[in-house]
Amino acid sequence: MNVRLSAVVGVALGVLGIAALAAPGLTAGLPTDDALVTVLGAVLVLGGFREVQRRRSTDPSYAETADTEQAIELPTPGADFDDRLAAFSAQLHNAAERDRLRSQLADVAVATLRRRFDYAADEARAALDDRTWTDDPVAAALFSGTEPGDGPLDRVRSMFRPDAAFTRRARHAVDELYRIAEGEREDADE
């Protein structure tokens, strides 16, 4: 109720003040001596002091913000290929999966060679078949179906490696394709 009364008195005084500015003759009958102005000033100062005290005794309210956005786990590019290659290593002789991986990598290799060196599709396939697409013999052996061309000692070492020969060739091919896509091979040729 106090707030309503203060609001009504404030609005009434505001309207009276605007009317006095517009037509000064309307307020000519009101007393305007020094005593009245002093009393009104004291009332205003006391009202201000009362409002400050009220504000000090109330608890401050804060706006509640929403929780910060949680980080979303996104898959790492190529992680599914790494998982498939690791699973292939565990299954030593899965010819169907090996052929599927080789075919997918061949498609990526053709697309990479076409984009990087402006090969036609059949030129890119021919480069894969005759091992001219890379200087890495292990990577080239993945698509040509031949041995990497290592010496007899290297072939014996590869028999005792923990990863399968196909897995090693696939990793070399992926690394070489990445270098070609990033332009390192072309820069080295210049």
Protein backbone atom coordinates (compact mmCIF):
# COMPACT_ATOMS: atom_id res chain seq x y z
CA MET A 1 0.00 0.00 0.00
CA ASN A 2 2.86 2.38 0.77
CA VAL A 3 4.27 1.88 -2.71
CA ARG A 4 0.88 2.63 -4.31
CA LEU A 5 0.42 5.80 -2.28
CA SER A 6 3.92 6.99 -3.16
CA ALA A 7 3.30 6.25 -6.82
CA VAL A 8 -0.02 8.15 -6.85
CA VAL A 9 1.48 11.17 -5.06
CA GLY A 10 4.50 11.11 -7.42
CA VAL A 11 2.32 11.00 -10.53
CA ALA A 12 0.08 13.79 -9.21
CA LEU A 13 3.06 16.02 -8.43
CA GLY A 14 4.58 15.24 -11.84
CA VAL A 15 1.37 16.23 -13.62
CA LEU A 16 1.13 19.40 -11.48
CA GLY A 17 4.74 20.31 -12.34
CA ILE A 18 4.16 19.86 -16.09
CA ALA A 19 0.97 21.92 -15.85
CA ALA A 20 2.90 24.68 -14.03
CA LEU A 21 5.43 24.78 -16.84
CA ALA A 22 2.75 24.91 -19.52
CA ALA A 23 0.43 27.42 -17.80
CA PRO A 24 2.10 29.24 -14.88
CA GLY A 25 -1.16 30.94 -13.96
CA LEU A 26 -2.68 27.62 -12.71
CA THR A 27 -0.28 27.45 -9.77
CA ALA A 28 -0.43 31.14 -8.80
CA GLY A 29 -2.63 30.38 -5.79
CA LEU A 30 -0.22 27.88 -4.21
CA PRO A 31 2.04 29.10 -1.40
CA THR A 32 5.69 29.36 -2.52
CA ASP A 33 7.44 30.86 0.48
CA ASP A 34 10.81 29.65 1.85
CA ALA A 35 9.27 27.58 4.64
CA LEU A 36 7.27 25.41 2.21
CA VAL A 37 10.29 24.81 0.00
CA THR A 38 12.36 23.83 3.05
CA VAL A 39 9.71 21.38 4.25
CA LEU A 40 9.37 19.80 0.81
CA GLY A 41 13.18 19.52 0.56
CA ALA A 42 13.37 17.82 3.97
CA VAL A 43 10.60 15.37 2.98
CA LEU A 44 12.45 14.50 -0.20
CA VAL A 45 15.77 13.98 1.64
CA LEU A 46 14.08 11.77 4.27
CA GLY A 47 12.34 9.79 1.53
CA GLY A 48 15.67 9.26 -0.23
CA PHE A 49 17.34 8.20 3.04
CA ARG A 50 14.49 5.75 3.73
CA GLU A 51 14.88 4.23 0.22
CA VAL A 52 18.64 3.83 0.68
CA GLN A 53 18.06 2.05 4.03
CA ARG A 54 15.45 -0.24 2.47
CA ARG A 55 17.85 -1.18 -0.32
CA ARG A 56 20.63 -1.94 2.16
CA SER A 57 18.46 -4.31 4.18
CA THR A 58 17.19 -6.38 1.23
CA ASP A 59 19.21 -9.18 -0.30
CA PRO A 60 20.51 -8.43 -3.75
CA SER A 61 19.01 -10.45 -6.56
CA TYR A 62 21.09 -11.69 -9.44
CA ALA A 63 20.13 -12.88 -12.84
CA GLU A 64 20.59 -16.61 -13.19
CA THR A 65 22.59 -17.56 -16.22
CA ALA A 66 22.27 -20.84 -18.01
CA ASP A 67 24.90 -23.51 -17.55
CA THR A 68 27.89 -23.23 -19.81
CA GLU A 69 27.75 -25.26 -22.95
CA GLN A 70 29.22 -28.72 -22.56
CA ALA A 71 32.02 -29.81 -24.88
CA ILE A 72 30.88 -32.29 -27.48
CA GLU A 73 33.09 -35.23 -28.29
CA LEU A 74 33.54 -35.34 -32.05
CA PRO A 75 35.12 -38.29 -33.78
CA THR A 76 38.66 -37.92 -35.02
CA PRO A 77 38.86 -38.04 -38.81
CA GLY A 78 40.24 -41.39 -39.87
CA ALA A 79 39.68 -43.05 -36.50
CA ASP A 80 37.22 -45.53 -38.01
CA PHE A 81 39.83 -46.52 -40.60
CA ASP A 82 42.44 -47.00 -37.86
CA ASP A 83 39.99 -49.16 -35.92
CA ARG A 84 39.26 -51.27 -38.98
CA LEU A 85 42.96 -51.64 -39.71
CA ALA A 86 43.68 -52.65 -36.11
CA ALA A 87 40.84 -55.18 -36.22
CA PHE A 88 42.22 -56.50 -39.48
CA SER A 89 45.62 -57.01 -37.84
CA ALA A 90 44.00 -59.16 -35.18
CA GLN A 91 42.31 -61.30 -37.86
CA LEU A 92 45.34 -62.44 -39.78
CA HIS A 93 43.61 -63.93 -42.81
CA ASN A 94 40.41 -62.10 -43.65
CA ALA A 95 40.65 -61.81 -47.44
CA ALA A 96 37.25 -60.14 -47.91
CA GLU A 97 38.03 -57.35 -45.46
CA ARG A 98 41.51 -56.93 -46.93
CA ASP A 99 40.04 -56.58 -50.44
CA ARG A 100 37.42 -54.11 -49.20
CA LEU A 101 40.06 -51.94 -47.48
CA ARG A 102 42.36 -52.11 -50.52
CA SER A 103 39.47 -51.09 -52.80
CA GLN A 104 38.50 -48.16 -50.58
CA LEU A 105 42.10 -46.99 -50.36
CA ALA A 106 42.46 -47.34 -54.13
CA ASP A 107 39.42 -45.09 -54.60
CA VAL A 108 40.93 -42.52 -52.26
CA ALA A 109 44.28 -42.80 -54.07
CA VAL A 110 42.68 -42.27 -57.48
CA ALA A 111 40.76 -39.25 -56.22
CA THR A 112 43.91 -37.82 -54.62
CA LEU A 113 46.02 -38.31 -57.74
CA ARG A 114 43.32 -36.79 -59.93
CA ARG A 115 42.92 -33.77 -57.69
CA ARG A 116 46.63 -33.18 -57.06
CA PHE A 117 48.18 -34.02 -60.44
CA ASP A 118 45.19 -33.67 -62.81
CA TYR A 119 45.33 -37.34 -63.81
CA ALA A 120 42.44 -38.91 -65.65
CA ALA A 121 40.83 -41.79 -63.77
CA ASP A 122 42.45 -44.45 -65.96
CA GLU A 123 45.85 -42.71 -65.68
CA ALA A 124 45.57 -42.73 -61.90
CA ARG A 125 44.63 -46.44 -61.86
CA ALA A 126 47.56 -47.20 -64.19
CA ALA A 127 49.92 -45.30 -61.87
CA LEU A 128 48.70 -47.43 -58.96
CA ASP A 129 49.12 -50.67 -60.94
CA ASP A 130 52.63 -49.94 -62.23
CA ARG A 131 53.83 -48.41 -58.90
CA THR A 132 54.74 -45.00 -60.34
CA TRP A 133 52.48 -42.99 -58.05
CA THR A 134 55.00 -43.04 -55.17
CA ASP A 135 58.65 -43.58 -54.34
CA ASP A 136 57.71 -45.66 -51.27
CA PRO A 137 57.93 -49.32 -52.34
CA VAL A 138 55.90 -50.52 -49.35
CA ALA A 139 53.01 -48.15 -50.16
CA ALA A 140 53.17 -49.01 -53.86
CA ALA A 141 52.98 -52.74 -53.10
CA LEU A 142 49.50 -52.35 -51.61
CA PHE A 143 47.84 -51.60 -54.96
CA SER A 144 50.12 -53.45 -57.39
CA GLY A 145 49.75 -56.88 -55.80
CA THR A 146 53.51 -57.43 -55.86
CA GLU A 147 56.10 -57.57 -53.13
CA PRO A 148 57.63 -54.25 -52.09
CA GLY A 149 60.91 -55.07 -53.78
CA ASP A 150 62.82 -55.26 -50.52
CA GLY A 151 65.84 -57.49 -50.29
CA PRO A 152 65.64 -60.99 -48.82
CA LEU A 153 66.74 -59.75 -45.41
CA ASP A 154 63.90 -57.20 -45.32
CA ARG A 155 61.37 -59.89 -46.24
CA VAL A 156 62.60 -62.10 -43.39
CA ARG A 157 62.34 -59.14 -40.97
CA SER A 158 58.77 -58.44 -42.10
CA MET A 159 57.81 -62.02 -41.23
CA PHE A 160 58.71 -61.36 -37.60
CA ARG A 161 57.02 -57.98 -37.28
CA PRO A 162 53.98 -57.86 -34.99
CA ASP A 163 51.80 -56.24 -37.67
CA ALA A 164 50.70 -58.01 -40.81
CA ALA A 165 52.31 -57.09 -44.13
CA PHE A 166 48.98 -55.76 -45.42
CA THR A 167 48.60 -53.51 -42.37
CA ARG A 168 52.11 -52.11 -42.84
CA ARG A 169 51.48 -51.49 -46.55
CA ALA A 170 48.14 -49.82 -45.84
CA ARG A 171 49.69 -47.50 -43.26
CA HIS A 172 52.49 -46.56 -45.68
CA ALA A 173 49.93 -45.93 -48.44
CA VAL A 174 47.80 -43.72 -46.19
CA ASP A 175 50.86 -41.73 -45.11
CA GLU A 176 51.97 -41.30 -48.74
CA LEU A 177 48.48 -40.24 -49.85
CA TYR A 178 48.41 -37.69 -47.06
CA ARG A 179 51.78 -36.29 -48.17
CA ILE A 180 50.54 -36.10 -51.76
CA ALA A 181 47.30 -34.41 -50.73
CA GLU A 182 49.19 -31.85 -48.69
CA GLY A 183 51.56 -31.17 -51.58
CA GLU A 184 54.79 -32.43 -50.04
CA ARG A 185 55.55 -34.83 -52.91
CA GLU A 186 55.03 -32.19 -55.59
CA ASP A 187 57.20 -29.74 -53.68
CA ALA A 188 59.95 -32.36 -53.36
CA ASP A 189 59.84 -33.05 -57.13
CA GLU A 190 60.46 -29.40 -57.99
